[in-house]
C-alpha atoms as a PDB file:
ATOM      1  CA  UNK A   1      -0.064  -0.065   0.152  1.00  0.00           C
ATOM      2  CA  UNK A   2       2.742   2.671   0.808  1.00  0.00           C
ATOM      3  CA  UNK A   3       4.186   2.192  -2.577  1.00  0.00           C
ATOM      4  CA  UNK A   4       1.091   2.589  -4.569  1.00  0.00           C
ATOM      5  CA  UNK A   5       0.273   5.596  -2.247  1.00  0.00           C
ATOM      6  CA  UNK A   6       3.479   7.166  -3.395  1.00  0.00           C
ATOM      7  CA  UNK A   7       2.404   7.203  -7.156  1.00  0.00           C
ATOM      8  CA  UNK A   8      -0.743   9.368  -6.105  1.00  0.00           C
ATOM      9  CA  UNK A   9       0.896  12.186  -4.368  1.00  0.00           C
ATOM     10  CA  UNK A  10       4.473  14.019  -5.083  1.00  0.00           C
ATOM     11  CA  UNK A  11       7.018  14.533  -2.425  1.00  0.00           C
ATOM     12  CA  UNK A  12       6.507  17.728  -0.456  1.00  0.00           C
ATOM     13  CA  UNK A  13       8.295  20.654  -1.582  1.00  0.00           C
ATOM     14  CA  UNK A  14       8.999  22.066   1.915  1.00  0.00           C
ATOM     15  CA  UNK A  15      10.321  25.659   2.215  1.00  0.00           C
ATOM     16  CA  UNK A  16      10.420  28.504   4.738  1.00  0.00           C
ATOM     17  CA  UNK A  17       6.843  28.619   6.489  1.00  0.00           C
ATOM     18  CA  UNK A  18       5.081  26.447   3.589  1.00  0.00           C
ATOM     19  CA  UNK A  19       5.128  23.415   1.665  1.00  0.00           C
ATOM     20  CA  UNK A  20       3.543  22.188  -1.553  1.00  0.00           C
ATOM     21  CA  UNK A  21       2.788  18.769  -3.165  1.00  0.00           C
ATOM     22  CA  UNK A  22       0.697  17.560  -6.044  1.00  0.00           C
ATOM     23  CA  UNK A  23      -2.231  15.095  -5.703  1.00  0.00           C
ATOM     24  CA  UNK A  24      -3.501  12.594  -8.516  1.00  0.00           C
ATOM     25  CA  UNK A  25      -7.079  11.970  -9.030  1.00  0.00           C
ATOM     26  CA  UNK A  26      -9.129   9.984 -11.560  1.00  0.00           C
ATOM     27  CA  UNK A  27     -10.048  10.366 -15.336  1.00  0.00           C
ATOM     28  CA  UNK A  28     -13.312  11.570 -16.029  1.00  0.00           C
ATOM     29  CA  UNK A  29     -15.060  11.148 -19.540  1.00  0.00           C
ATOM     30  CA  UNK A  30     -18.118  13.242 -20.502  1.00  0.00           C
ATOM     31  CA  UNK A  31     -19.665  13.957 -23.889  1.00  0.00           C
ATOM     32  CA  UNK A  32     -17.932  17.203 -24.077  1.00  0.00           C
ATOM     33  CA  UNK A  33     -14.463  16.598 -22.603  1.00  0.00           C
ATOM     34  CA  UNK A  34     -12.072  13.967 -20.939  1.00  0.00           C
ATOM     35  CA  UNK A  35      -9.879  15.038 -18.316  1.00  0.00           C
ATOM     36  CA  UNK A  36      -7.929  13.712 -15.279  1.00  0.00           C
ATOM     37  CA  UNK A  37      -8.325  15.465 -11.793  1.00  0.00           C
ATOM     38  CA  UNK A  38      -5.281  16.497  -9.963  1.00  0.00           C
ATOM     39  CA  UNK A  39      -4.567  19.143  -7.448  1.00  0.00           C
ATOM     40  CA  UNK A  40      -1.835  21.372  -5.904  1.00  0.00           C
ATOM     41  CA  UNK A  41      -2.028  21.229  -2.079  1.00  0.00           C
ATOM     42  CA  UNK A  42      -0.502  24.183  -0.191  1.00  0.00           C
ATOM     43  CA  UNK A  43       0.257  24.103   3.602  1.00  0.00           C
ATOM     44  CA  UNK A  44       1.258  27.268   5.527  1.00  0.00           C
ATOM     45  CA  UNK A  45       2.463  27.440   9.138  1.00  0.00           C
ATOM     46  CA  UNK A  46      -0.035  29.081  11.631  1.00  0.00           C
ATOM     47  CA  UNK A  47      -0.114  32.851  10.973  1.00  0.00           C
ATOM     48  CA  UNK A  48       0.811  32.826   7.420  1.00  0.00           C
ATOM     49  CA  UNK A  49      -1.202  33.125   4.257  1.00  0.00           C
ATOM     50  CA  UNK A  50      -1.074  33.159   0.611  1.00  0.00           C
ATOM     51  CA  UNK A  51      -2.850  34.727  -2.220  1.00  0.00           C
ATOM     52  CA  UNK A  52      -5.839  34.296  -4.582  1.00  0.00           C
ATOM     53  CA  UNK A  53      -5.731  34.812  -8.219  1.00  0.00           C
ATOM     54  CA  UNK A  54      -6.545  38.470  -7.520  1.00  0.00           C
ATOM     55  CA  UNK A  55      -4.671  39.458  -4.238  1.00  0.00           C
ATOM     56  CA  UNK A  56      -6.443  42.496  -3.452  1.00  0.00           C
ATOM     57  CA  UNK A  57      -4.734  45.634  -2.215  1.00  0.00           C
ATOM     58  CA  UNK A  58      -1.437  44.199  -1.962  1.00  0.00           C
ATOM     59  CA  UNK A  59       0.422  40.959  -2.701  1.00  0.00           C
ATOM     60  CA  UNK A  60       1.110  38.804  -5.814  1.00  0.00           C
ATOM     61  CA  UNK A  61      -1.122  36.139  -7.350  1.00  0.00           C
ATOM     62  CA  UNK A  62       0.443  32.616  -7.770  1.00  0.00           C
ATOM     63  CA  UNK A  63       2.165  31.758 -11.182  1.00  0.00           C
ATOM     64  CA  UNK A  64       1.730  28.424 -12.717  1.00  0.00           C
ATOM     65  CA  UNK A  65       3.950  27.161 -15.673  1.00  0.00           C
ATOM     66  CA  UNK A  66       2.898  23.603 -16.942  1.00  0.00           C
ATOM     67  CA  UNK A  67       5.281  23.891 -19.859  1.00  0.00           C
ATOM     68  CA  UNK A  68       7.369  20.836 -18.721  1.00  0.00           C
ATOM     69  CA  UNK A  69       4.424  18.356 -18.798  1.00  0.00           C
ATOM     70  CA  UNK A  70       4.164  15.430 -20.893  1.00  0.00           C
ATOM     71  CA  UNK A  71       0.962  14.297 -22.751  1.00  0.00           C
ATOM     72  CA  UNK A  72      -0.894  17.489 -21.418  1.00  0.00           C
ATOM     73  CA  UNK A  73      -2.979  19.611 -23.900  1.00  0.00           C
ATOM     74  CA  UNK A  74      -4.533  21.996 -21.419  1.00  0.00           C
ATOM     75  CA  UNK A  75      -4.708  22.757 -17.605  1.00  0.00           C
ATOM     76  CA  UNK A  76      -7.864  24.188 -16.112  1.00  0.00           C
ATOM     77  CA  UNK A  77      -6.966  25.766 -12.654  1.00  0.00           C
ATOM     78  CA  UNK A  78     -10.003  25.998 -10.102  1.00  0.00           C
ATOM     79  CA  UNK A  79      -9.773  28.609  -7.336  1.00  0.00           C
ATOM     80  CA  UNK A  80     -11.711  27.628  -4.026  1.00  0.00           C
ATOM     81  CA  UNK A  81     -13.528  30.610  -2.498  1.00  0.00           C
ATOM     82  CA  UNK A  82     -10.979  32.844  -0.654  1.00  0.00           C
ATOM     83  CA  UNK A  83     -11.041  35.011   2.579  1.00  0.00           C
ATOM     84  CA  UNK A  84     -10.273  38.709   2.919  1.00  0.00           C
ATOM     85  CA  UNK A  85      -7.665  39.698   5.614  1.00  0.00           C
ATOM     86  CA  UNK A  86      -5.863  42.880   6.548  1.00  0.00           C
ATOM     87  CA  UNK A  87      -2.621  43.263   4.718  1.00  0.00           C
ATOM     88  CA  UNK A  88      -0.805  45.134   7.511  1.00  0.00           C
ATOM     89  CA  UNK A  89      -0.661  48.578   5.372  1.00  0.00           C
ATOM     90  CA  UNK A  90      -4.187  49.716   6.054  1.00  0.00           C
ATOM     91  CA  UNK A  91      -5.813  47.758   3.166  1.00  0.00           C
ATOM     92  CA  UNK A  92      -7.163  44.247   2.596  1.00  0.00           C
ATOM     93  CA  UNK A  93      -5.788  41.201   0.695  1.00  0.00           C
ATOM     94  CA  UNK A  94      -7.551  38.194  -0.550  1.00  0.00           C
ATOM     95  CA  UNK A  95      -6.304  34.725  -0.085  1.00  0.00           C
ATOM     96  CA  UNK A  96      -5.933  31.555   1.915  1.00  0.00           C
ATOM     97  CA  UNK A  97      -4.708  30.655   5.485  1.00  0.00           C
ATOM     98  CA  UNK A  98      -3.636  27.387   6.952  1.00  0.00           C
ATOM     99  CA  UNK A  99      -4.086  25.055   3.778  1.00  0.00           C
ATOM    100  CA  UNK A 100      -5.516  25.146   0.286  1.00  0.00           C
ATOM    101  CA  UNK A 101      -6.035  22.831  -2.508  1.00  0.00           C
ATOM    102  CA  UNK A 102      -6.174  24.085  -6.160  1.00  0.00           C
ATOM    103  CA  UNK A 103      -8.101  21.550  -8.031  1.00  0.00           C
ATOM    104  CA  UNK A 104      -6.876  21.151 -11.626  1.00  0.00           C
ATOM    105  CA  UNK A 105      -8.263  19.452 -14.703  1.00  0.00           C
ATOM    106  CA  UNK A 106      -5.832  17.881 -16.949  1.00  0.00           C
ATOM    107  CA  UNK A 107      -6.926  17.445 -20.544  1.00  0.00           C
ATOM    108  CA  UNK A 108      -4.447  14.809 -22.191  1.00  0.00           C
ATOM    109  CA  UNK A 109      -3.347  15.011 -25.795  1.00  0.00           C
ATOM    110  CA  UNK A 110      -4.038  11.155 -26.008  1.00  0.00           C
ATOM    111  CA  UNK A 111      -6.413   9.759 -23.383  1.00  0.00           C
ATOM    112  CA  UNK A 112      -4.964   6.265 -24.102  1.00  0.00           C
ATOM    113  CA  UNK A 113      -1.650   7.293 -22.762  1.00  0.00           C
ATOM    114  CA  UNK A 114      -0.371   8.358 -19.138  1.00  0.00           C
ATOM    115  CA  UNK A 115       0.303  12.119 -18.591  1.00  0.00           C
ATOM    116  CA  UNK A 116       3.083  13.440 -16.551  1.00  0.00           C
ATOM    117  CA  UNK A 117       2.285  16.828 -14.883  1.00  0.00           C
ATOM    118  CA  UNK A 118       5.333  19.045 -14.183  1.00  0.00           C
ATOM    119  CA  UNK A 119       4.639  22.499 -12.506  1.00  0.00           C
ATOM    120  CA  UNK A 120       6.821  25.676 -11.545  1.00  0.00           C
ATOM    121  CA  UNK A 121       4.840  27.215  -9.200  1.00  0.00           C
ATOM    122  CA  UNK A 122       5.505  30.634  -7.805  1.00  0.00           C
ATOM    123  CA  UNK A 123       3.599  32.115  -4.758  1.00  0.00           C
ATOM    124  CA  UNK A 124       4.098  34.596  -1.794  1.00  0.00           C
ATOM    125  CA  UNK A 125       3.599  33.764   1.748  1.00  0.00           C
ATOM    126  CA  UNK A 126       3.090  36.448   4.307  1.00  0.00           C
ATOM    127  CA  UNK A 127       3.058  36.661   8.109  1.00  0.00           C
ATOM    128  CA  UNK A 128       4.828  39.585   9.609  1.00  0.00           C
ATOM    129  CA  UNK A 129       6.609  39.763   6.273  1.00  0.00           C
ATOM    130  CA  UNK A 130       6.181  38.459   2.863  1.00  0.00           C
ATOM    131  CA  UNK A 131       8.473  35.659   1.291  1.00  0.00           C
ATOM    132  CA  UNK A 132       8.326  34.733  -2.327  1.00  0.00           C
ATOM    133  CA  UNK A 133       8.546  31.023  -3.025  1.00  0.00           C
ATOM    134  CA  UNK A 134       9.269  28.858  -6.034  1.00  0.00           C
ATOM    135  CA  UNK A 135       8.494  25.201  -5.977  1.00  0.00           C
ATOM    136  CA  UNK A 136       9.035  22.483  -8.599  1.00  0.00           C
ATOM    137  CA  UNK A 137       6.682  19.537  -8.478  1.00  0.00           C
ATOM    138  CA  UNK A 138       6.400  16.570 -10.689  1.00  0.00           C
ATOM    139  CA  UNK A 139       3.871  13.623 -10.703  1.00  0.00           C
ATOM    140  CA  UNK A 140       2.709  10.771 -13.014  1.00  0.00           C
ATOM    141  CA  UNK A 141      -1.077  10.779 -13.619  1.00  0.00           C
ATOM    142  CA  UNK A 142      -2.254   7.174 -14.118  1.00  0.00           C
ATOM    143  CA  UNK A 143      -5.993   8.375 -14.324  1.00  0.00           C
ATOM    144  CA  UNK A 144      -6.842   6.104 -11.261  1.00  0.00           C
ATOM    145  CA  UNK A 145      -5.203   8.338  -8.568  1.00  0.00           C
ATOM    146  CA  UNK A 146      -6.364   7.482  -4.959  1.00  0.00           C
ATOM    147  CA  UNK A 147      -6.719  11.215  -4.011  1.00  0.00           C
ATOM    148  CA  UNK A 148     -10.000  11.902  -5.961  1.00  0.00           C
ATOM    149  CA  UNK A 149     -12.137  12.127  -2.841  1.00  0.00           C
ATOM    150  CA  UNK A 150      -9.728  14.785  -1.339  1.00  0.00           C
ATOM    151  CA  UNK A 151      -9.777  16.759  -4.822  1.00  0.00           C
ATOM    152  CA  UNK A 152     -13.706  16.461  -5.149  1.00  0.00           C
ATOM    153  CA  UNK A 153     -14.027  17.939  -1.593  1.00  0.00           C
ATOM    154  CA  UNK A 154     -11.749  20.805  -2.576  1.00  0.00           C
ATOM    155  CA  UNK A 155     -13.883  21.380  -5.696  1.00  0.00           C
ATOM    156  CA  UNK A 156     -17.043  21.888  -3.484  1.00  0.00           C
ATOM    157  CA  UNK A 157     -15.235  25.121  -2.315  1.00  0.00           C
ATOM    158  CA  UNK A 158     -14.994  26.398  -5.838  1.00  0.00           C
ATOM    159  CA  UNK A 159     -17.761  28.988  -6.431  1.00  0.00           C
ATOM    160  CA  UNK A 160     -20.539  27.887  -8.570  1.00  0.00           C
ATOM    161  CA  UNK A 161     -20.894  30.043 -11.939  1.00  0.00           C
ATOM    162  CA  UNK A 162     -24.382  31.387 -12.191  1.00  0.00           C
ATOM    163  CA  UNK A 163     -26.157  34.020 -13.910  1.00  0.00           C
ATOM    164  CA  UNK A 164     -26.973  37.662 -12.754  1.00  0.00           C
ATOM    165  CA  UNK A 165     -30.230  37.452 -10.549  1.00  0.00           C
ATOM    166  CA  UNK A 166     -30.195  33.516 -10.333  1.00  0.00           C
ATOM    167  CA  UNK A 167     -31.349  32.429  -6.991  1.00  0.00           C
ATOM    168  CA  UNK A 168     -32.564  35.624  -5.662  1.00  0.00           C
ATOM    169  CA  UNK A 169     -35.647  36.351  -3.378  1.00  0.00           C
ATOM    170  CA  UNK A 170     -38.697  34.594  -2.897  1.00  0.00           C
ATOM    171  CA  UNK A 171     -42.199  36.303  -3.253  1.00  0.00           C
ATOM    172  CA  UNK A 172     -42.167  37.027   0.625  1.00  0.00           C
ATOM    173  CA  UNK A 173     -38.732  38.686   0.413  1.00  0.00           C
ATOM    174  CA  UNK A 174     -36.672  35.771   1.859  1.00  0.00           C
ATOM    175  CA  UNK A 175     -33.529  34.710   0.344  1.00  0.00           C
ATOM    176  CA  UNK A 176     -33.626  31.493  -1.947  1.00  0.00           C
ATOM    177  CA  UNK A 177     -29.954  31.228  -1.637  1.00  0.00           C
ATOM    178  CA  UNK A 178     -26.816  33.138  -2.539  1.00  0.00           C
ATOM    179  CA  UNK A 179     -27.207  35.462  -5.505  1.00  0.00           C
ATOM    180  CA  UNK A 180     -26.178  38.659  -7.069  1.00  0.00           C
ATOM    181  CA  UNK A 181     -29.318  40.483  -7.919  1.00  0.00           C
ATOM    182  CA  UNK A 182     -28.084  43.666  -9.695  1.00  0.00           C
ATOM    183  CA  UNK A 183     -25.022  45.634 -10.482  1.00  0.00           C
ATOM    184  CA  UNK A 184     -25.232  49.299 -11.398  1.00  0.00           C
ATOM    185  CA  UNK A 185     -23.148  52.458 -11.781  1.00  0.00           C
ATOM    186  CA  UNK A 186     -23.816  55.559  -9.785  1.00  0.00           C
ATOM    187  CA  UNK A 187     -22.230  59.227  -9.828  1.00  0.00           C
ATOM    188  CA  UNK A 188     -19.453  59.401  -7.399  1.00  0.00           C
ATOM    189  CA  UNK A 189     -16.784  61.862  -6.322  1.00  0.00           C
ATOM    190  CA  UNK A 190     -13.641  61.701  -8.304  1.00  0.00           C
ATOM    191  CA  UNK A 191     -14.818  58.337  -9.812  1.00  0.00           C
ATOM    192  CA  UNK A 192     -18.171  56.633 -10.547  1.00  0.00           C
ATOM    193  CA  UNK A 193     -19.048  53.981  -8.235  1.00  0.00           C
ATOM    194  CA  UNK A 194     -20.528  50.663  -8.748  1.00  0.00           C
ATOM    195  CA  UNK A 195     -23.338  49.368  -6.298  1.00  0.00           C
ATOM    196  CA  UNK A 196     -24.004  45.593  -6.018  1.00  0.00           C
ATOM    197  CA  UNK A 197     -27.061  43.976  -4.441  1.00  0.00           C
ATOM    198  CA  UNK A 198     -26.434  40.648  -2.893  1.00  0.00           C
ATOM    199  CA  UNK A 199     -29.120  38.095  -1.647  1.00  0.00           C
ATOM    200  CA  UNK A 200     -27.939  35.986   1.217  1.00  0.00           C
ATOM    201  CA  UNK A 201     -29.457  34.051   4.191  1.00  0.00           C
ATOM    202  CA  UNK A 202     -30.246  36.680   6.905  1.00  0.00           C
ATOM    203  CA  UNK A 203     -27.760  36.928   9.438  1.00  0.00           C
ATOM    204  CA  UNK A 204     -24.991  35.025   7.820  1.00  0.00           C
ATOM    205  CA  UNK A 205     -21.559  36.517   6.754  1.00  0.00           C
ATOM    206  CA  UNK A 206     -21.307  37.806   3.269  1.00  0.00           C
ATOM    207  CA  UNK A 207     -18.349  38.865   1.379  1.00  0.00           C
ATOM    208  CA  UNK A 208     -17.771  40.132  -2.067  1.00  0.00           C
ATOM    209  CA  UNK A 209     -14.957  40.103  -4.661  1.00  0.00           C
ATOM    210  CA  UNK A 210     -14.720  41.986  -8.175  1.00  0.00           C
ATOM    211  CA  UNK A 211     -12.181  41.246 -10.952  1.00  0.00           C
ATOM    212  CA  UNK A 212     -11.788  43.294 -14.242  1.00  0.00           C
ATOM    213  CA  UNK A 213     -11.852  41.919 -17.730  1.00  0.00           C
ATOM    214  CA  UNK A 214      -8.088  41.705 -17.879  1.00  0.00           C
ATOM    215  CA  UNK A 215      -5.290  41.270 -15.138  1.00  0.00           C
ATOM    216  CA  UNK A 216      -4.175  44.792 -15.495  1.00  0.00           C
ATOM    217  CA  UNK A 217      -7.526  46.117 -14.110  1.00  0.00           C
ATOM    218  CA  UNK A 218      -7.045  46.957 -10.392  1.00  0.00           C
ATOM    219  CA  UNK A 219     -10.316  47.499  -8.952  1.00  0.00           C
ATOM    220  CA  UNK A 220     -10.796  48.260  -5.120  1.00  0.00           C
ATOM    221  CA  UNK A 221     -12.405  45.741  -3.006  1.00  0.00           C
ATOM    222  CA  UNK A 222     -16.143  45.966  -2.552  1.00  0.00           C
ATOM    223  CA  UNK A 223     -17.199  47.111   0.937  1.00  0.00           C
ATOM    224  CA  UNK A 224     -20.492  46.733   2.528  1.00  0.00           C
ATOM    225  CA  UNK A 225     -22.904  49.530   2.601  1.00  0.00           C
ATOM    226  CA  UNK A 226     -24.816  50.189   5.965  1.00  0.00           C
ATOM    227  CA  UNK A 227     -28.389  48.621   5.907  1.00  0.00           C
ATOM    228  CA  UNK A 228     -31.252  50.792   6.441  1.00  0.00           C
ATOM    229  CA  UNK A 229     -33.223  50.456   9.759  1.00  0.00           C
ATOM    230  CA  UNK A 230     -35.960  47.665   9.437  1.00  0.00           C
ATOM    231  CA  UNK A 231     -34.122  45.728   6.630  1.00  0.00           C
ATOM    232  CA  UNK A 232     -34.559  41.993   7.127  1.00  0.00           C
ATOM    233  CA  UNK A 233     -30.928  41.303   6.064  1.00  0.00           C
ATOM    234  CA  UNK A 234     -31.712  39.138   3.071  1.00  0.00           C
ATOM    235  CA  UNK A 235     -30.405  41.725   0.814  1.00  0.00           C
ATOM    236  CA  UNK A 236     -27.076  43.141   1.271  1.00  0.00           C
ATOM    237  CA  UNK A 237     -25.398  46.007  -0.820  1.00  0.00           C
ATOM    238  CA  UNK A 238     -21.647  46.548  -1.733  1.00  0.00           C
ATOM    239  CA  UNK A 239     -19.924  49.401  -3.444  1.00  0.00           C
ATOM    240  CA  UNK A 240     -16.624  50.371  -4.763  1.00  0.00           C
ATOM    241  CA  UNK A 241     -15.127  53.157  -6.856  1.00  0.00           C
ATOM    242  CA  UNK A 242     -14.357  52.670 -10.565  1.00  0.00           C
ATOM    243  CA  UNK A 243     -10.645  53.220  -9.775  1.00  0.00           C
ATOM    244  CA  UNK A 244      -7.626  51.458 -10.961  1.00  0.00           C
ATOM    245  CA  UNK A 245      -8.605  50.952 -14.584  1.00  0.00           C
ATOM    246  CA  UNK A 246      -5.938  50.647 -17.152  1.00  0.00           C
ATOM    247  CA  UNK A 247      -5.251  53.916 -19.138  1.00  0.00           C
ATOM    248  CA  UNK A 248      -7.587  54.836 -21.969  1.00  0.00           C
ATOM    249  CA  UNK A 249     -10.140  52.116 -20.856  1.00  0.00           C
ATOM    250  CA  UNK A 250     -13.776  52.791 -20.350  1.00  0.00           C
ATOM    251  CA  UNK A 251     -16.015  51.238 -17.779  1.00  0.00           C
ATOM    252  CA  UNK A 252     -19.027  51.193 -19.772  1.00  0.00           C
ATOM    253  CA  UNK A 253     -19.617  47.781 -21.188  1.00  0.00           C
ATOM    254  CA  UNK A 254     -16.837  46.092 -19.307  1.00  0.00           C
ATOM    255  CA  UNK A 255     -17.178  42.533 -18.167  1.00  0.00           C
ATOM    256  CA  UNK A 256     -16.761  42.013 -14.558  1.00  0.00           C
ATOM    257  CA  UNK A 257     -16.509  38.970 -12.457  1.00  0.00           C
ATOM    258  CA  UNK A 258     -18.002  38.929  -9.001  1.00  0.00           C
ATOM    259  CA  UNK A 259     -17.430  36.250  -6.457  1.00  0.00           C
ATOM    260  CA  UNK A 260     -19.639  36.175  -3.386  1.00  0.00           C
ATOM    261  CA  UNK A 261     -19.015  33.998  -0.452  1.00  0.00           C
ATOM    262  CA  UNK A 262     -21.266  33.149   2.351  1.00  0.00           C
ATOM    263  CA  UNK A 263     -20.389  30.537   4.662  1.00  0.00           C
ATOM    264  CA  UNK A 264     -19.845  27.176   2.839  1.00  0.00           C
ATOM    265  CA  UNK A 265     -21.477  28.631  -0.158  1.00  0.00           C
ATOM    266  CA  UNK A 266     -19.900  30.727  -2.911  1.00  0.00           C
ATOM    267  CA  UNK A 267     -21.028  31.855  -6.511  1.00  0.00           C
ATOM    268  CA  UNK A 268     -19.333  33.518  -9.324  1.00  0.00           C
ATOM    269  CA  UNK A 269     -21.296  35.928 -11.628  1.00  0.00           C
ATOM    270  CA  UNK A 270     -19.982  37.500 -14.970  1.00  0.00           C
ATOM    271  CA  UNK A 271     -21.862  40.679 -15.984  1.00  0.00           C
ATOM    272  CA  UNK A 272     -21.254  43.824 -17.979  1.00  0.00           C
ATOM    273  CA  UNK A 273     -21.359  47.079 -16.496  1.00  0.00           C
ATOM    274  CA  UNK A 274     -24.212  49.460 -17.891  1.00  0.00           C
END
């Protein structure tokens, strides 16, 4: 059993305050695609954190280079719902603490052959200071890896892709589940601002993140708007200034991606600004 187990996980790449390894899952075949599940596991020492694909007010997103892989046509990286935390400089960053598994879906060139996954992973870990880390990971994917259940559990934390308004409120005004109901622009001071309405179970925590259509957009983190007296809490508002756009870029019509997180549930909505 130990020998077989070794084929399902790579060795840990252990460095200061963190360690990473690869996990192998099973092959999945659908009418649309054939892929093998895998995962990148990142462990962090207590008090240390790393970043999401959008790091927030400070930090660097992870970089992943799969070019050394064999029999790999494409790799899709899935991002579990992140957490907002103070960055120590008056702002907030977005990322993970303790441990995270980034699920991967590996499309092979030839599904009849084994694939070998090789990754050069660059990421920052931050405690009282930030440390850049570079890890080199390699694992052969047989298509029947024993870590399938672990990877599937990590996929549960990946936000569901839904349409704007999907879910929403029932006729009596109660939340039917987590939903982004509306997104609209309003006049502001130095910049226009965007107001987002989110439906979520009353009394539960809700957070919202926003990404621009390209990585060179650097939008502020949405902040909650104070609720009016008598509100049942089923609908929350967030807002942010339209700041951090690339030069000569217009906000009207831009495709923004919103990620809403509430407890164990998370959704992702792409919509165009009015």
